[in-house]
Amino acid sequence: MPEKQKQIAAYILWLATFAWAGVIFYFSTMTGSNVPSVLPDYIPHFMEYAILAALLWSSIRVTKKQMPPSLTGLWAICLTTIYAATDEWHQSFVPGRNMDVKDWAVDTLAAIVVAAILGYVTARRSRK
């Protein structure tokens, strides 16, 4: 891929990453009575943060192509975990919401699972 296309891809991925973080923030600003609850709480948490981790992993990977997949995964996990912690803290200020360590743990687990899968797939592809 030519350098200009790589830069455009990196900008698009980072934009998507920040947009998704904004979506998570938006849902966190909903008061407790306005939060849709069709599924158990941990499923949406896992899905939200799995997507964030995948976007972070992809954004970091396209920006720092020479970084090993394991280090890319570590960065994605750390950034996702930090964002999840700040999101839980933010929820403590929203009426009807509270900070929950279990939610943060599910968010972190989502990041670990996604980073492991993407790292494994990337490592396998590079061996071929």
Protein backbone atom coordinates (compact mmCIF):
# COMPACT_ATOMS: atom_id res chain seq x y z
CA MET A 1 0.00 0.00 0.00
CA PRO A 2 1.44 3.41 -0.94
CA GLU A 3 2.41 5.75 1.91
CA LYS A 4 -0.40 8.24 1.22
CA GLN A 5 -3.02 5.47 1.43
CA LYS A 6 -1.52 4.24 4.70
CA GLN A 7 -1.84 7.73 6.16
CA ILE A 8 -5.45 8.02 5.03
CA ALA A 9 -6.22 4.59 6.50
CA ALA A 10 -4.61 5.61 9.79
CA TYR A 11 -6.66 8.83 9.96
CA ILE A 12 -9.89 6.96 9.20
CA LEU A 13 -9.17 4.28 11.80
CA TRP A 14 -8.28 6.81 14.50
CA LEU A 15 -11.39 8.83 13.63
CA ALA A 16 -13.53 5.69 13.94
CA THR A 17 -11.82 4.87 17.26
CA PHE A 18 -12.55 8.30 18.73
CA ALA A 19 -16.09 8.24 17.34
CA TRP A 20 -16.71 4.88 19.03
CA ALA A 21 -15.29 6.22 22.30
CA GLY A 22 -17.81 9.05 21.89
CA VAL A 23 -20.64 6.55 21.44
CA ILE A 24 -19.60 4.81 24.67
CA PHE A 25 -19.44 8.19 26.43
CA TYR A 26 -22.92 9.07 25.12
CA PHE A 27 -24.41 5.86 26.52
CA SER A 28 -22.66 6.54 29.82
CA THR A 29 -24.37 9.92 30.13
CA MET A 30 -27.83 8.32 30.10
CA THR A 31 -29.53 8.35 33.46
CA GLY A 32 -30.22 4.97 34.99
CA SER A 33 -33.87 4.99 33.94
CA ASN A 34 -33.00 5.68 30.27
CA VAL A 35 -30.49 2.87 29.78
CA PRO A 36 -31.97 0.20 27.50
CA SER A 37 -31.81 -3.17 29.26
CA VAL A 38 -32.80 -5.94 26.87
CA LEU A 39 -29.66 -7.98 27.60
CA PRO A 40 -27.79 -8.65 30.85
CA ASP A 41 -25.49 -5.70 31.63
CA TYR A 42 -22.24 -7.56 30.99
CA ILE A 43 -23.06 -8.43 27.34
CA PRO A 44 -23.35 -4.83 26.07
CA HIS A 45 -20.28 -3.92 28.12
CA PHE A 46 -18.27 -6.72 26.55
CA MET A 47 -19.45 -5.81 23.03
CA GLU A 48 -18.80 -2.06 23.44
CA TYR A 49 -15.29 -2.55 24.68
CA ALA A 50 -14.45 -5.41 22.31
CA ILE A 51 -15.21 -3.02 19.45
CA LEU A 52 -13.13 -0.27 21.09
CA ALA A 53 -10.21 -2.66 21.60
CA ALA A 54 -10.40 -3.86 17.98
CA LEU A 55 -10.45 -0.28 16.71
CA LEU A 56 -7.52 0.66 18.96
CA TRP A 57 -5.58 -2.42 17.91
CA SER A 58 -6.17 -1.65 14.22
CA SER A 59 -5.36 2.04 14.62
CA ILE A 60 -2.12 1.33 16.44
CA ARG A 61 -1.21 -1.41 13.97
CA VAL A 62 -1.66 0.79 10.90
CA THR A 63 0.19 3.67 12.58
CA LYS A 64 3.10 1.61 13.93
CA LYS A 65 3.38 -1.20 11.36
CA GLN A 66 6.75 -2.39 12.67
CA MET A 67 5.42 -2.91 16.20
CA PRO A 68 5.09 -6.61 17.08
CA PRO A 69 1.48 -7.83 17.40
CA SER A 70 2.02 -8.62 21.09
CA LEU A 71 3.04 -5.04 21.85
CA THR A 72 0.18 -3.71 19.74
CA GLY A 73 -2.17 -5.87 21.79
CA LEU A 74 -0.67 -4.69 25.05
CA TRP A 75 -1.20 -1.06 24.03
CA ALA A 76 -4.79 -1.79 22.96
CA ILE A 77 -5.50 -3.53 26.27
CA CYS A 78 -3.97 -0.74 28.33
CA LEU A 79 -5.77 2.06 26.48
CA THR A 80 -9.10 0.22 26.55
CA THR A 81 -8.73 -0.51 30.26
CA ILE A 82 -7.87 3.11 31.05
CA TYR A 83 -10.84 4.36 29.03
CA ALA A 84 -13.13 1.84 30.76
CA ALA A 85 -11.93 3.03 34.18
CA THR A 86 -12.55 6.67 33.31
CA ASP A 87 -15.96 5.73 31.91
CA GLU A 88 -16.92 3.98 35.15
CA TRP A 89 -15.74 7.00 37.13
CA HIS A 90 -17.78 9.27 34.83
CA GLN A 91 -20.88 7.15 35.49
CA SER A 92 -20.57 7.83 39.21
CA PHE A 93 -21.69 11.41 38.47
CA VAL A 94 -24.72 10.40 36.37
CA PRO A 95 -28.06 10.12 38.22
CA GLY A 96 -29.17 6.51 38.59
CA ARG A 97 -25.76 5.16 37.56
CA ASN A 98 -22.82 4.02 39.62
CA MET A 99 -19.20 3.00 39.28
CA ASP A 100 -18.95 -0.79 39.10
CA VAL A 101 -15.66 -2.70 39.25
CA LYS A 102 -17.38 -5.74 37.67
CA ASP A 103 -18.25 -3.69 34.58
CA TRP A 104 -14.65 -2.51 34.37
CA ALA A 105 -13.45 -6.12 34.66
CA VAL A 106 -15.77 -7.19 31.80
CA ASP A 107 -14.48 -4.28 29.69
CA THR A 108 -10.90 -5.31 30.39
CA LEU A 109 -11.67 -8.95 29.60
CA ALA A 110 -13.13 -7.86 26.25
CA ALA A 111 -9.90 -6.02 25.44
CA ILE A 112 -7.77 -9.02 26.39
CA VAL A 113 -9.87 -11.42 24.29
CA VAL A 114 -9.84 -9.16 21.23
CA ALA A 115 -6.10 -8.44 21.50
CA ALA A 116 -5.35 -12.15 21.84
CA ILE A 117 -7.46 -13.05 18.80
CA LEU A 118 -6.07 -10.25 16.61
CA GLY A 119 -2.52 -10.97 17.72
CA TYR A 120 -2.93 -14.66 16.96
CA VAL A 121 -4.45 -14.03 13.53
CA THR A 122 -1.75 -11.50 12.65
CA ALA A 123 1.05 -13.81 13.77
CA ARG A 124 -0.38 -16.70 11.76
CA ARG A 125 -0.72 -14.56 8.63
CA SER A 126 2.85 -13.31 8.91
CA ARG A 127 4.18 -16.91 9.07
CA LYS A 128 2.59 -17.81 5.73
